[in-house]
């Protein structure tokens, strides 16, 4: 079974060509499990974009992400009080467009946005279960 650290199940030859450091943690994700056939057109590829300035207009976000492909959907989190940053979810139809966006925008000037693959529902459940299974350790106070 091939192993590599990535957000989606895709063949290792693609991982080497478009390598991106694991942005969530150091866990490894299995690829090539029985019955698991990867297809670049299988589904949409959703990106999480963090550290988006509140003053950045929606039109600027649209222009910025259309440079790397044709986004299917751009969702911006509604304004939150007492915060000057927000986040977005950008959905692309192609894996290559998503990777080009990450390579082209992640932690780059002038905005220094955090761009990474969004967690899947399975990953969200995994992290929730992991948090419940490992209670917080508090330092012993004297």
C-alpha atoms as a PDB file:
ATOM      1  CA  UNK A   1       0.000   0.000   0.000  1.00  0.00           C
ATOM      2  CA  UNK A   2       1.488   3.339  -1.026  1.00  0.00           C
ATOM      3  CA  UNK A   3       1.652   6.023   1.621  1.00  0.00           C
ATOM      4  CA  UNK A   4       2.171   9.755   1.463  1.00  0.00           C
ATOM      5  CA  UNK A   5       0.949  12.775   3.343  1.00  0.00           C
ATOM      6  CA  UNK A   6      -1.657  14.684   1.391  1.00  0.00           C
ATOM      7  CA  UNK A   7      -5.238  15.904   1.603  1.00  0.00           C
ATOM      8  CA  UNK A   8      -6.732  13.712  -1.117  1.00  0.00           C
ATOM      9  CA  UNK A   9      -6.239  10.195  -2.387  1.00  0.00           C
ATOM     10  CA  UNK A  10      -4.080  10.579  -5.451  1.00  0.00           C
ATOM     11  CA  UNK A  11      -1.242   8.519  -6.917  1.00  0.00           C
ATOM     12  CA  UNK A  12       2.258   9.091  -5.474  1.00  0.00           C
ATOM     13  CA  UNK A  13       3.578  10.168  -8.892  1.00  0.00           C
ATOM     14  CA  UNK A  14       1.296  13.215  -8.661  1.00  0.00           C
ATOM     15  CA  UNK A  15       2.467  13.832  -5.097  1.00  0.00           C
ATOM     16  CA  UNK A  16       6.083  14.019  -6.243  1.00  0.00           C
ATOM     17  CA  UNK A  17       5.288  16.322  -9.147  1.00  0.00           C
ATOM     18  CA  UNK A  18       3.147  18.704  -7.116  1.00  0.00           C
ATOM     19  CA  UNK A  19       4.512  18.186  -3.605  1.00  0.00           C
ATOM     20  CA  UNK A  20       3.062  20.338  -0.861  1.00  0.00           C
ATOM     21  CA  UNK A  21       3.992  19.981   2.800  1.00  0.00           C
ATOM     22  CA  UNK A  22       1.240  18.550   4.966  1.00  0.00           C
ATOM     23  CA  UNK A  23      -0.560  21.571   6.318  1.00  0.00           C
ATOM     24  CA  UNK A  24      -2.572  19.970   9.119  1.00  0.00           C
ATOM     25  CA  UNK A  25      -0.404  17.490  10.996  1.00  0.00           C
ATOM     26  CA  UNK A  26       2.166  14.736  10.532  1.00  0.00           C
ATOM     27  CA  UNK A  27      -0.298  11.896  10.087  1.00  0.00           C
ATOM     28  CA  UNK A  28      -0.076   9.816   6.939  1.00  0.00           C
ATOM     29  CA  UNK A  29      -3.030   9.020   4.735  1.00  0.00           C
ATOM     30  CA  UNK A  30      -3.370   5.744   2.867  1.00  0.00           C
ATOM     31  CA  UNK A  31      -3.642   5.602  -0.899  1.00  0.00           C
ATOM     32  CA  UNK A  32      -4.569   2.737  -3.150  1.00  0.00           C
ATOM     33  CA  UNK A  33      -6.790   0.798  -0.803  1.00  0.00           C
ATOM     34  CA  UNK A  34      -8.849  -1.947  -2.367  1.00  0.00           C
ATOM     35  CA  UNK A  35     -11.720  -0.492  -4.364  1.00  0.00           C
ATOM     36  CA  UNK A  36     -10.294   3.035  -4.090  1.00  0.00           C
ATOM     37  CA  UNK A  37      -9.735   4.369  -7.594  1.00  0.00           C
ATOM     38  CA  UNK A  38      -8.530   7.950  -7.857  1.00  0.00           C
ATOM     39  CA  UNK A  39      -9.763  10.147 -10.647  1.00  0.00           C
ATOM     40  CA  UNK A  40      -8.797  13.797 -11.166  1.00  0.00           C
ATOM     41  CA  UNK A  41     -12.373  14.531 -12.234  1.00  0.00           C
ATOM     42  CA  UNK A  42     -14.006  12.468  -9.500  1.00  0.00           C
ATOM     43  CA  UNK A  43     -15.159  15.348  -7.346  1.00  0.00           C
ATOM     44  CA  UNK A  44     -14.520  18.968  -6.526  1.00  0.00           C
ATOM     45  CA  UNK A  45     -11.458  20.161  -4.663  1.00  0.00           C
ATOM     46  CA  UNK A  46     -12.163  22.569  -1.839  1.00  0.00           C
ATOM     47  CA  UNK A  47      -9.556  24.959  -0.443  1.00  0.00           C
ATOM     48  CA  UNK A  48      -9.568  26.669   2.919  1.00  0.00           C
ATOM     49  CA  UNK A  49      -8.225  30.223   2.830  1.00  0.00           C
ATOM     50  CA  UNK A  50      -7.355  31.803   6.162  1.00  0.00           C
ATOM     51  CA  UNK A  51      -6.154  35.241   7.268  1.00  0.00           C
ATOM     52  CA  UNK A  52      -8.365  37.038   4.772  1.00  0.00           C
ATOM     53  CA  UNK A  53      -8.532  40.736   5.756  1.00  0.00           C
ATOM     54  CA  UNK A  54     -12.071  41.923   6.485  1.00  0.00           C
ATOM     55  CA  UNK A  55     -11.507  45.011   4.367  1.00  0.00           C
ATOM     56  CA  UNK A  56     -10.727  42.889   1.262  1.00  0.00           C
ATOM     57  CA  UNK A  57     -13.791  43.225  -1.009  1.00  0.00           C
ATOM     58  CA  UNK A  58     -15.470  40.159  -2.522  1.00  0.00           C
ATOM     59  CA  UNK A  59     -14.515  41.350  -6.029  1.00  0.00           C
ATOM     60  CA  UNK A  60     -10.820  41.302  -5.074  1.00  0.00           C
ATOM     61  CA  UNK A  61     -11.153  37.746  -3.748  1.00  0.00           C
ATOM     62  CA  UNK A  62     -12.849  36.673  -6.990  1.00  0.00           C
ATOM     63  CA  UNK A  63     -10.098  38.228  -9.143  1.00  0.00           C
ATOM     64  CA  UNK A  64      -7.331  36.764  -6.987  1.00  0.00           C
ATOM     65  CA  UNK A  65      -8.592  33.182  -7.220  1.00  0.00           C
ATOM     66  CA  UNK A  66      -9.660  33.332 -10.879  1.00  0.00           C
ATOM     67  CA  UNK A  67      -5.996  33.807 -11.835  1.00  0.00           C
ATOM     68  CA  UNK A  68      -5.429  30.096 -11.159  1.00  0.00           C
ATOM     69  CA  UNK A  69      -8.577  28.588 -12.628  1.00  0.00           C
ATOM     70  CA  UNK A  70     -12.320  28.870 -12.743  1.00  0.00           C
ATOM     71  CA  UNK A  71     -13.705  28.466  -9.199  1.00  0.00           C
ATOM     72  CA  UNK A  72     -17.032  26.675  -8.967  1.00  0.00           C
ATOM     73  CA  UNK A  73     -17.878  28.381  -5.678  1.00  0.00           C
ATOM     74  CA  UNK A  74     -16.363  31.102  -3.505  1.00  0.00           C
ATOM     75  CA  UNK A  75     -17.776  31.258   0.012  1.00  0.00           C
ATOM     76  CA  UNK A  76     -16.693  33.994   2.391  1.00  0.00           C
ATOM     77  CA  UNK A  77     -17.415  33.665   6.090  1.00  0.00           C
ATOM     78  CA  UNK A  78     -19.759  36.402   7.295  1.00  0.00           C
ATOM     79  CA  UNK A  79     -18.251  39.250   9.268  1.00  0.00           C
ATOM     80  CA  UNK A  80     -17.503  38.488  12.880  1.00  0.00           C
ATOM     81  CA  UNK A  81     -17.411  41.215  15.496  1.00  0.00           C
ATOM     82  CA  UNK A  82     -14.071  41.973  17.179  1.00  0.00           C
ATOM     83  CA  UNK A  83     -12.037  40.413  14.370  1.00  0.00           C
ATOM     84  CA  UNK A  84     -10.134  41.938  11.494  1.00  0.00           C
ATOM     85  CA  UNK A  85      -9.606  38.584   9.716  1.00  0.00           C
ATOM     86  CA  UNK A  86     -11.987  36.082   8.170  1.00  0.00           C
ATOM     87  CA  UNK A  87     -11.767  32.921   6.041  1.00  0.00           C
ATOM     88  CA  UNK A  88     -13.045  31.615   2.702  1.00  0.00           C
ATOM     89  CA  UNK A  89     -13.762  28.289   1.025  1.00  0.00           C
ATOM     90  CA  UNK A  90     -12.886  28.092  -2.665  1.00  0.00           C
ATOM     91  CA  UNK A  91     -14.054  25.107  -4.730  1.00  0.00           C
ATOM     92  CA  UNK A  92     -12.330  24.112  -7.977  1.00  0.00           C
ATOM     93  CA  UNK A  93     -13.324  21.340 -10.370  1.00  0.00           C
ATOM     94  CA  UNK A  94      -9.734  20.302 -11.026  1.00  0.00           C
ATOM     95  CA  UNK A  95      -6.988  19.171  -8.695  1.00  0.00           C
ATOM     96  CA  UNK A  96      -4.361  20.991 -10.776  1.00  0.00           C
ATOM     97  CA  UNK A  97      -6.181  24.338 -10.403  1.00  0.00           C
ATOM     98  CA  UNK A  98      -6.344  23.822  -6.647  1.00  0.00           C
ATOM     99  CA  UNK A  99      -2.638  22.976  -6.438  1.00  0.00           C
ATOM    100  CA  UNK A 100      -1.669  25.943  -8.600  1.00  0.00           C
ATOM    101  CA  UNK A 101      -3.698  28.185  -6.293  1.00  0.00           C
ATOM    102  CA  UNK A 102      -1.927  26.836  -3.215  1.00  0.00           C
ATOM    103  CA  UNK A 103       1.504  27.199  -4.790  1.00  0.00           C
ATOM    104  CA  UNK A 104       0.710  30.669  -6.114  1.00  0.00           C
ATOM    105  CA  UNK A 105      -0.934  32.291  -3.083  1.00  0.00           C
ATOM    106  CA  UNK A 106      -0.082  30.421   0.139  1.00  0.00           C
ATOM    107  CA  UNK A 107       1.980  32.640   2.472  1.00  0.00           C
ATOM    108  CA  UNK A 108       2.971  34.946  -0.416  1.00  0.00           C
ATOM    109  CA  UNK A 109       2.999  38.767  -0.386  1.00  0.00           C
ATOM    110  CA  UNK A 110       1.145  41.074  -0.340  1.00  0.00           C
ATOM    111  CA  UNK A 111      -1.623  39.306   1.655  1.00  0.00           C
ATOM    112  CA  UNK A 112       0.167  36.283   3.190  1.00  0.00           C
ATOM    113  CA  UNK A 113      -3.020  34.214   3.033  1.00  0.00           C
ATOM    114  CA  UNK A 114      -3.035  30.665   4.358  1.00  0.00           C
ATOM    115  CA  UNK A 115      -4.262  28.419   1.529  1.00  0.00           C
ATOM    116  CA  UNK A 116      -4.624  24.666   1.985  1.00  0.00           C
ATOM    117  CA  UNK A 117      -6.959  21.823   1.122  1.00  0.00           C
ATOM    118  CA  UNK A 118     -10.064  21.929   3.281  1.00  0.00           C
ATOM    119  CA  UNK A 119     -10.622  19.036   5.635  1.00  0.00           C
ATOM    120  CA  UNK A 120     -13.032  16.380   4.470  1.00  0.00           C
ATOM    121  CA  UNK A 121     -15.964  15.334   6.646  1.00  0.00           C
ATOM    122  CA  UNK A 122     -14.078  12.146   7.564  1.00  0.00           C
ATOM    123  CA  UNK A 123     -11.059  14.170   8.703  1.00  0.00           C
ATOM    124  CA  UNK A 124     -13.254  16.499  10.743  1.00  0.00           C
ATOM    125  CA  UNK A 125     -14.828  13.498  12.494  1.00  0.00           C
ATOM    126  CA  UNK A 126     -11.376  11.980  13.050  1.00  0.00           C
ATOM    127  CA  UNK A 127     -10.101  15.142  14.753  1.00  0.00           C
ATOM    128  CA  UNK A 128     -13.256  15.430  16.879  1.00  0.00           C
ATOM    129  CA  UNK A 129     -12.910  11.833  18.039  1.00  0.00           C
ATOM    130  CA  UNK A 130      -9.202  12.324  18.688  1.00  0.00           C
ATOM    131  CA  UNK A 131      -9.937  15.384  20.846  1.00  0.00           C
ATOM    132  CA  UNK A 132     -12.526  13.466  22.875  1.00  0.00           C
ATOM    133  CA  UNK A 133     -10.229  10.463  23.305  1.00  0.00           C
ATOM    134  CA  UNK A 134      -7.327  12.591  24.578  1.00  0.00           C
ATOM    135  CA  UNK A 135      -8.483  14.804  27.440  1.00  0.00           C
ATOM    136  CA  UNK A 136      -6.662  18.025  27.998  1.00  0.00           C
ATOM    137  CA  UNK A 137      -3.760  17.766  30.395  1.00  0.00           C
ATOM    138  CA  UNK A 138      -3.563  20.596  32.849  1.00  0.00           C
ATOM    139  CA  UNK A 139      -0.345  21.372  34.652  1.00  0.00           C
ATOM    140  CA  UNK A 140      -0.288  20.518  38.305  1.00  0.00           C
ATOM    141  CA  UNK A 141      -0.425  23.743  40.279  1.00  0.00           C
ATOM    142  CA  UNK A 142       1.169  24.053  43.694  1.00  0.00           C
END
